[in-house]
C-alpha atoms as a PDB file:
ATOM      1  CA  MET A   1       5.825   2.337  12.873  1.00  0.00           C
ATOM      2  CA  ALA A   2       4.910   3.312   9.282  1.00  0.00           C
ATOM      3  CA  THR A   3       3.079   7.156   8.669  1.00  0.00           C
ATOM      4  CA  SER A   4       0.163   8.067   6.701  1.00  0.00           C
ATOM      5  CA  LYS A   5       2.767   9.471   4.322  1.00  0.00           C
ATOM      6  CA  ASP A   6       4.482   6.007   3.796  1.00  0.00           C
ATOM      7  CA  PHE A   7       0.900   4.611   3.137  1.00  0.00           C
ATOM      8  CA  GLU A   8      -0.106   7.410   0.728  1.00  0.00           C
ATOM      9  CA  LYS A   9       3.427   7.170  -0.990  1.00  0.00           C
ATOM     10  CA  LYS A  10       2.673   3.412  -1.463  1.00  0.00           C
ATOM     11  CA  LEU A  11      -0.751   4.075  -2.815  1.00  0.00           C
ATOM     12  CA  GLU A  12       0.734   6.971  -5.128  1.00  0.00           C
ATOM     13  CA  ASN A  13       3.184   4.636  -6.411  1.00  0.00           C
ATOM     14  CA  SER A  14       0.662   1.942  -7.532  1.00  0.00           C
ATOM     15  CA  LYS A  15      -0.757   4.298  -9.371  1.00  0.00           C
ATOM     16  CA  GLU A  16       1.865   5.284 -11.159  1.00  0.00           C
ATOM     17  CA  ILE A  17       2.478   0.878 -11.854  1.00  0.00           C
ATOM     18  CA  LEU A  18      -1.278   1.208 -13.135  1.00  0.00           C
ATOM     19  CA  GLN A  19      -0.430   4.029 -15.602  1.00  0.00           C
ATOM     20  CA  LYS A  20       2.667   1.902 -16.860  1.00  0.00           C
ATOM     21  CA  LEU A  21       0.631  -0.902 -17.317  1.00  0.00           C
ATOM     22  CA  MET A  22      -2.088   0.508 -19.176  1.00  0.00           C
ATOM     23  CA  ASN A  23       0.695   2.052 -22.050  1.00  0.00           C
ATOM     24  CA  PRO A  24       0.018  -0.451 -24.801  1.00  0.00           C
ATOM     25  CA  GLU A  25       3.830  -0.002 -25.970  1.00  0.00           C
ATOM     26  CA  VAL A  26       5.158  -1.968 -22.573  1.00  0.00           C
ATOM     27  CA  THR A  27       6.688  -5.493 -23.256  1.00  0.00           C
ATOM     28  CA  LEU A  28       5.561  -8.431 -21.514  1.00  0.00           C
ATOM     29  CA  GLN A  29       8.649  -8.534 -19.445  1.00  0.00           C
ATOM     30  CA  ASP A  30       8.397  -4.839 -18.075  1.00  0.00           C
ATOM     31  CA  SER A  31       4.734  -6.091 -17.434  1.00  0.00           C
ATOM     32  CA  VAL A  32       5.836  -8.708 -15.252  1.00  0.00           C
ATOM     33  CA  LYS A  33       7.958  -6.216 -13.603  1.00  0.00           C
ATOM     34  CA  TYR A  34       5.477  -3.808 -12.968  1.00  0.00           C
ATOM     35  CA  TYR A  35       2.599  -5.997 -11.506  1.00  0.00           C
ATOM     36  CA  LYS A  36       5.131  -7.749  -8.886  1.00  0.00           C
ATOM     37  CA  ASP A  37       5.983  -3.833  -8.059  1.00  0.00           C
ATOM     38  CA  GLY A  38       2.661  -3.138  -8.000  1.00  0.00           C
ATOM     39  CA  MET A  39       1.354  -6.258  -5.699  1.00  0.00           C
ATOM     40  CA  ASN A  40       3.976  -5.286  -3.327  1.00  0.00           C
ATOM     41  CA  ALA A  41       3.375  -1.888  -2.972  1.00  0.00           C
ATOM     42  CA  LEU A  42      -0.182  -2.436  -2.512  1.00  0.00           C
ATOM     43  CA  SER A  43       0.689  -5.683   0.101  1.00  0.00           C
ATOM     44  CA  ASP A  44       3.042  -2.987   1.938  1.00  0.00           C
ATOM     45  CA  ALA A  45      -0.176  -0.464   2.432  1.00  0.00           C
ATOM     46  CA  GLN A  46      -2.309  -3.011   3.333  1.00  0.00           C
ATOM     47  CA  LYS A  47       0.059  -3.984   6.212  1.00  0.00           C
ATOM     48  CA  ILE A  48       0.421  -0.248   7.162  1.00  0.00           C
ATOM     49  CA  LEU A  49      -3.592  -0.048   7.229  1.00  0.00           C
ATOM     50  CA  GLU A  50      -3.338  -3.411   9.513  1.00  0.00           C
ATOM     51  CA  GLU A  51      -1.030  -1.971  12.223  1.00  0.00           C
ATOM     52  CA  ALA A  52      -3.257   1.360  12.184  1.00  0.00           C
ATOM     53  CA  LYS A  53      -6.333  -0.271  12.687  1.00  0.00           C
ATOM     54  CA  LEU A  54      -4.451  -2.611  15.734  1.00  0.00           C
ATOM     55  CA  GLU A  55      -2.938   0.774  17.302  1.00  0.00           C
ATOM     56  CA  PHE A  56      -6.725   2.440  17.255  1.00  0.00           C
ATOM     57  CA  GLU A  57      -8.136  -0.735  18.538  1.00  0.00           C
ATOM     58  CA  THR A  58      -5.727  -0.996  21.417  1.00  0.00           C
ATOM     59  CA  VAL A  59      -6.421   3.177  22.115  1.00  0.00           C
ATOM     60  CA  LYS A  60     -10.094   2.113  21.926  1.00  0.00           C
ATOM     61  CA  GLU A  61      -9.898  -0.474  24.482  1.00  0.00           C
ATOM     62  CA  SER A  62      -7.398   1.456  26.979  1.00  0.00           C
ATOM     63  CA  GLN A  63      -9.996   4.460  26.569  1.00  0.00           C
ATOM     64  CA  GLU A  64     -13.152   1.703  27.262  1.00  0.00           C
ATOM     65  CA  ASN A  65     -11.353   0.631  30.411  1.00  0.00           C
ATOM     66  CA  ILE A  66     -10.822   4.069  32.203  1.00  0.00           C
END
């Protein structure tokens, strides 16, 4: 299971990639690579959020059934 540190790391990685993309001297080839890397990091972060939401809902449902 992913942790909040994993989530934060993915977001920080995405921010770093965005900074690289904003560099006017970045090549088109590097831009495409950074874009793909950034989208993968954001996708991973989204998955971590979805897992956390499911876990929260499971705990909430179990508390309601008590």
